[in-house]
Amino acid sequence: MTAVNPVIAGLAGRCPNCGEGALFIGFIKVRPRCEVCAFDLGAADSGDGPAVFIIIIVGVIACFGLLFTEVSTRLPIWADLAIWLPFAALLAVGLLRPFKGLMVALQFHNQASEARNDVE
């Protein structure tokens, strides 16, 4: 059996163990177990990682797009906002699932877990 590429599996929303089963139930809720290989996905916790990357990426694209549009076309500000706010919102929602899948797959690939120093 060949190793699963965590980047491809994560971006595709597939199980990081087998690369076959779906990673998500619904839009961004991670399944408790893979439906194909029964791999335990319950420990997956991407936290705020995907949101941070998406905020940075979408912020840069939308801000530079808004700035370019404002300088080149001199549209009224309401028109600029009518164009770039929905674009930014749709881009953020569109990137959320692939980035969450990527973060979960990389977490399992790197065997990342929370360090607990409070356990006695």
Protein backbone atom coordinates (compact mmCIF):
# COMPACT_ATOMS: atom_id res chain seq x y z
CA MET A 1 0.00 0.00 0.00
CA THR A 2 1.39 3.39 -0.94
CA ALA A 3 1.51 6.25 1.52
CA VAL A 4 -1.22 8.84 1.25
CA ASN A 5 -0.09 12.36 0.40
CA PRO A 6 -1.52 14.46 3.26
CA VAL A 7 -1.74 17.64 1.16
CA ILE A 8 -3.75 16.01 -1.63
CA ALA A 9 -5.95 14.06 0.81
CA GLY A 10 -6.58 17.12 2.96
CA LEU A 11 -7.41 19.48 0.10
CA ALA A 12 -9.71 16.85 -1.40
CA GLY A 13 -11.47 16.27 1.94
CA ARG A 14 -10.41 12.61 2.14
CA CYS A 15 -9.26 10.43 5.04
CA PRO A 16 -5.61 11.13 5.89
CA ASN A 17 -5.02 7.42 6.52
CA CYS A 18 -6.42 5.72 3.41
CA GLY A 19 -7.16 8.65 1.09
CA GLU A 20 -10.49 7.07 0.14
CA GLY A 21 -13.17 7.86 2.71
CA ALA A 22 -14.77 11.26 3.18
CA LEU A 23 -13.25 13.39 5.93
CA PHE A 24 -16.29 15.57 6.58
CA ILE A 25 -19.92 15.20 7.56
CA GLY A 26 -21.72 18.21 6.18
CA PHE A 27 -19.65 21.30 5.38
CA ILE A 28 -16.80 21.31 7.93
CA LYS A 29 -17.63 18.82 10.68
CA VAL A 30 -15.00 16.06 10.82
CA ARG A 31 -16.31 12.49 10.87
CA PRO A 32 -15.64 10.45 14.03
CA ARG A 33 -14.36 7.48 11.94
CA CYS A 34 -13.41 6.90 8.32
CA GLU A 35 -16.18 5.00 6.56
CA VAL A 36 -13.65 2.99 4.50
CA CYS A 37 -10.75 2.09 6.84
CA ALA A 38 -12.38 2.84 10.24
CA PHE A 39 -9.50 5.19 11.12
CA ASP A 40 -10.28 7.20 14.25
CA LEU A 41 -10.72 10.84 13.21
CA GLY A 42 -12.24 11.86 16.54
CA ALA A 43 -8.99 13.35 17.84
CA ALA A 44 -8.80 15.79 14.92
CA ASP A 45 -8.81 19.37 16.10
CA SER A 46 -7.61 21.97 13.63
CA GLY A 47 -8.50 24.79 16.01
CA ASP A 48 -8.27 28.27 14.54
CA GLY A 49 -5.48 27.39 12.10
CA PRO A 50 -7.58 27.35 8.92
CA ALA A 51 -9.31 30.60 9.85
CA VAL A 52 -6.01 32.40 10.43
CA PHE A 53 -4.61 31.37 7.05
CA ILE A 54 -7.86 32.23 5.29
CA ILE A 55 -8.04 35.67 6.93
CA ILE A 56 -4.52 36.44 5.76
CA ILE A 57 -4.99 35.13 2.22
CA VAL A 58 -8.43 36.64 1.63
CA GLY A 59 -7.43 39.88 3.32
CA VAL A 60 -4.44 40.35 1.03
CA ILE A 61 -6.38 39.48 -2.14
CA ALA A 62 -9.41 41.61 -1.26
CA CYS A 63 -7.41 44.61 -0.01
CA PHE A 64 -5.15 44.73 -3.04
CA GLY A 65 -8.11 44.14 -5.34
CA LEU A 66 -10.05 46.94 -3.69
CA LEU A 67 -7.03 49.25 -3.85
CA PHE A 68 -6.40 48.45 -7.51
CA THR A 69 -10.07 48.96 -8.41
CA GLU A 70 -10.21 52.24 -6.51
CA VAL A 71 -7.07 53.64 -8.11
CA SER A 72 -7.75 52.44 -11.66
CA THR A 73 -11.50 53.03 -12.03
CA ARG A 74 -12.43 55.62 -9.38
CA LEU A 75 -15.74 53.90 -8.64
CA PRO A 76 -17.81 55.25 -5.75
CA ILE A 77 -16.96 53.55 -2.48
CA TRP A 78 -20.35 51.84 -2.30
CA ALA A 79 -19.66 50.19 -5.68
CA ASP A 80 -16.20 49.06 -4.55
CA LEU A 81 -17.68 47.57 -1.40
CA ALA A 82 -20.54 45.98 -3.34
CA ILE A 83 -17.95 44.18 -5.46
CA TRP A 84 -15.24 43.27 -2.96
CA LEU A 85 -17.16 42.41 0.22
CA PRO A 86 -19.20 39.59 -1.39
CA PHE A 87 -16.07 38.42 -3.23
CA ALA A 88 -14.13 38.24 0.04
CA ALA A 89 -16.96 36.44 1.81
CA LEU A 90 -17.36 33.86 -0.96
CA LEU A 91 -13.61 33.31 -1.19
CA ALA A 92 -13.36 32.80 2.58
CA VAL A 93 -16.22 30.28 2.63
CA GLY A 94 -14.80 28.53 -0.44
CA LEU A 95 -11.37 28.13 1.15
CA LEU A 96 -12.59 27.00 4.57
CA ARG A 97 -13.25 23.33 3.80
CA PRO A 98 -10.00 22.63 1.87
CA PHE A 99 -7.87 24.42 4.46
CA LYS A 100 -9.54 22.60 7.36
CA GLY A 101 -9.02 19.29 5.56
CA LEU A 102 -5.38 20.18 4.96
CA MET A 103 -4.81 21.10 8.61
CA VAL A 104 -6.44 17.88 9.85
CA ALA A 105 -4.50 15.71 7.38
CA LEU A 106 -1.19 17.38 8.31
CA GLN A 107 -2.01 16.97 11.99
CA PHE A 108 -2.37 13.20 11.54
CA HIS A 109 0.61 12.96 9.16
CA ASN A 110 2.90 14.70 11.65
CA GLN A 111 1.34 12.86 14.61
CA ALA A 112 0.62 16.17 16.30
CA SER A 113 -1.18 16.14 19.61
CA GLU A 114 -1.76 18.52 22.46
CA ALA A 115 0.94 18.45 25.10
CA ARG A 116 -0.57 18.07 28.54
CA ASN A 117 1.55 19.03 31.48
CA ASP A 118 -1.30 19.11 33.98
CA VAL A 119 -1.80 15.30 34.04
CA GLU A 120 -0.39 13.75 37.17
